[in-house]
Amino acid sequence: MQLVGRDNDRRALDRLLGRARQGLSAVLVVRGEPGIGKTRLLDYATDSATGFQVTRIAGVEAETELGYAGLQALCGRVLDRVVDLPGPQAAALQTANGLRASQR
C-alpha cells in the first residue's frame, strides 16, 4: 500500500508491529482531523499485521458521552473468553461491560 508523505507514520507502525512480534506490548494513538488519512494508516497496519489476529472498530460520535462504548464494541464479540484472563483484568472487563457490579 502506497502512503505518500507518511514515511514517519509508517515506520512508527512498523516498529509497533515489530515489538509485538517480539512479545512486547506497545500502543500508538492515531488522531487528527477528518480526511488526513487515519483510516489509510490503520489499513496499512492491518495489512502489515501478518500472523496476528486483528480486531477493529470505528468510533461513533453519538456515543462519545457513553462510558466504555468503544471498549464494549471492541470486546463484545469475545467476552465469552474473559474467563481466560487473570482475575483483575477479567473483573475490570466484566465491570466495564455491565456483566458485574463494581467492587469499589
Protein backbone atom coordinates (compact mmCIF):
# COMPACT_ATOMS: atom_id res chain seq x y z
CA MET A 1 0.00 0.00 0.00
CA GLN A 2 1.41 3.37 -1.02
CA LEU A 3 1.23 6.12 1.63
CA VAL A 4 2.72 9.24 0.07
CA GLY A 5 4.38 11.53 2.62
CA ARG A 6 3.67 9.20 5.56
CA ASP A 7 7.10 7.57 5.94
CA ASN A 8 7.44 8.53 9.64
CA ASP A 9 3.96 7.24 10.43
CA ARG A 10 4.59 4.02 8.52
CA ARG A 11 7.89 3.48 10.35
CA ALA A 12 6.15 4.02 13.71
CA LEU A 13 3.58 1.37 12.80
CA ASP A 14 6.30 -0.99 11.61
CA ARG A 15 8.16 -0.52 14.92
CA LEU A 16 4.99 -1.21 16.90
CA LEU A 17 4.35 -4.42 14.97
CA GLY A 18 7.99 -5.42 15.34
CA ARG A 19 7.72 -5.04 19.12
CA ALA A 20 4.56 -7.14 19.13
CA ARG A 21 6.32 -9.86 17.14
CA GLN A 22 8.96 -9.92 19.89
CA GLY A 23 6.25 -10.39 22.52
CA LEU A 24 6.40 -6.79 23.77
CA SER A 25 3.36 -4.61 24.18
CA ALA A 26 3.04 -1.13 22.79
CA VAL A 27 0.37 1.37 21.88
CA LEU A 28 0.06 4.06 19.25
CA VAL A 29 -2.68 6.68 19.18
CA VAL A 30 -3.78 7.77 15.70
CA ARG A 31 -5.74 11.01 15.84
CA GLY A 32 -6.41 14.06 13.74
CA GLU A 33 -8.90 15.93 11.67
CA PRO A 34 -11.20 14.13 9.24
CA GLY A 35 -9.65 13.39 5.88
CA ILE A 36 -5.96 13.33 6.84
CA GLY A 37 -5.54 9.61 6.25
CA LYS A 38 -6.03 7.96 9.66
CA THR A 39 -8.03 5.12 8.14
CA ARG A 40 -5.39 4.57 5.46
CA LEU A 41 -2.74 4.29 8.20
CA LEU A 42 -4.88 1.75 10.04
CA ASP A 43 -5.37 -0.15 6.77
CA TYR A 44 -1.58 -0.20 6.38
CA ALA A 45 -1.19 -1.54 9.92
CA THR A 46 -3.82 -4.22 9.34
CA ASP A 47 -2.23 -5.26 6.04
CA SER A 48 1.20 -5.39 7.73
CA ALA A 49 0.00 -7.44 10.71
CA THR A 50 0.57 -10.83 9.10
CA GLY A 51 0.39 -13.59 11.67
CA PHE A 52 -1.77 -11.52 14.03
CA GLN A 53 -5.47 -11.62 14.73
CA VAL A 54 -6.80 -8.12 14.11
CA THR A 55 -9.98 -6.76 15.67
CA ARG A 56 -11.06 -3.33 14.53
CA ILE A 57 -13.92 -0.99 15.33
CA ALA A 58 -14.92 2.51 14.27
CA GLY A 59 -15.90 5.19 16.76
CA VAL A 60 -19.34 6.75 16.56
CA GLU A 61 -19.59 10.41 17.53
CA ALA A 62 -23.05 9.90 19.01
CA GLU A 63 -21.52 7.55 21.60
CA THR A 64 -18.84 9.94 22.91
CA GLU A 65 -20.82 10.51 26.11
CA LEU A 66 -21.28 6.80 26.79
CA GLY A 67 -18.59 5.44 29.07
CA TYR A 68 -16.76 2.42 27.67
CA ALA A 69 -18.78 2.38 24.41
CA GLY A 70 -15.66 1.74 22.36
CA LEU A 71 -14.45 -0.95 24.74
CA GLN A 72 -17.84 -2.65 24.59
CA ALA A 73 -17.81 -2.57 20.79
CA LEU A 74 -14.28 -3.97 20.72
CA CYS A 75 -14.71 -6.69 23.34
CA GLY A 76 -18.37 -7.59 22.92
CA ARG A 77 -17.64 -10.36 20.45
CA VAL A 78 -15.04 -12.03 22.66
CA LEU A 79 -16.49 -11.64 26.16
CA ASP A 80 -17.00 -15.39 26.32
CA ARG A 81 -13.20 -15.61 26.62
CA VAL A 82 -13.00 -13.31 29.66
CA VAL A 83 -12.61 -16.39 31.84
CA ASP A 84 -9.17 -16.91 30.26
CA LEU A 85 -7.89 -13.62 31.71
CA PRO A 86 -6.26 -13.13 35.11
CA GLY A 87 -8.77 -12.22 37.84
CA PRO A 88 -8.23 -8.42 37.99
CA GLN A 89 -8.39 -7.99 34.21
CA ALA A 90 -11.43 -10.24 33.93
CA ALA A 91 -13.20 -8.29 36.69
CA ALA A 92 -12.37 -4.94 35.02
CA LEU A 93 -13.74 -6.06 31.65
CA GLN A 94 -16.83 -7.59 33.21
CA THR A 95 -17.49 -4.38 35.15
CA ALA A 96 -16.91 -2.12 32.12
CA ASN A 97 -19.28 -4.25 30.07
CA GLY A 98 -22.00 -4.32 32.73
CA LEU A 99 -21.61 -8.01 33.49
CA ARG A 100 -20.84 -7.46 37.20
CA ALA A 101 -21.09 -4.69 39.76
CA SER A 102 -18.07 -2.56 40.59
CA GLN A 103 -16.17 -3.74 43.67
CA ARG A 104 -15.16 -0.27 44.88
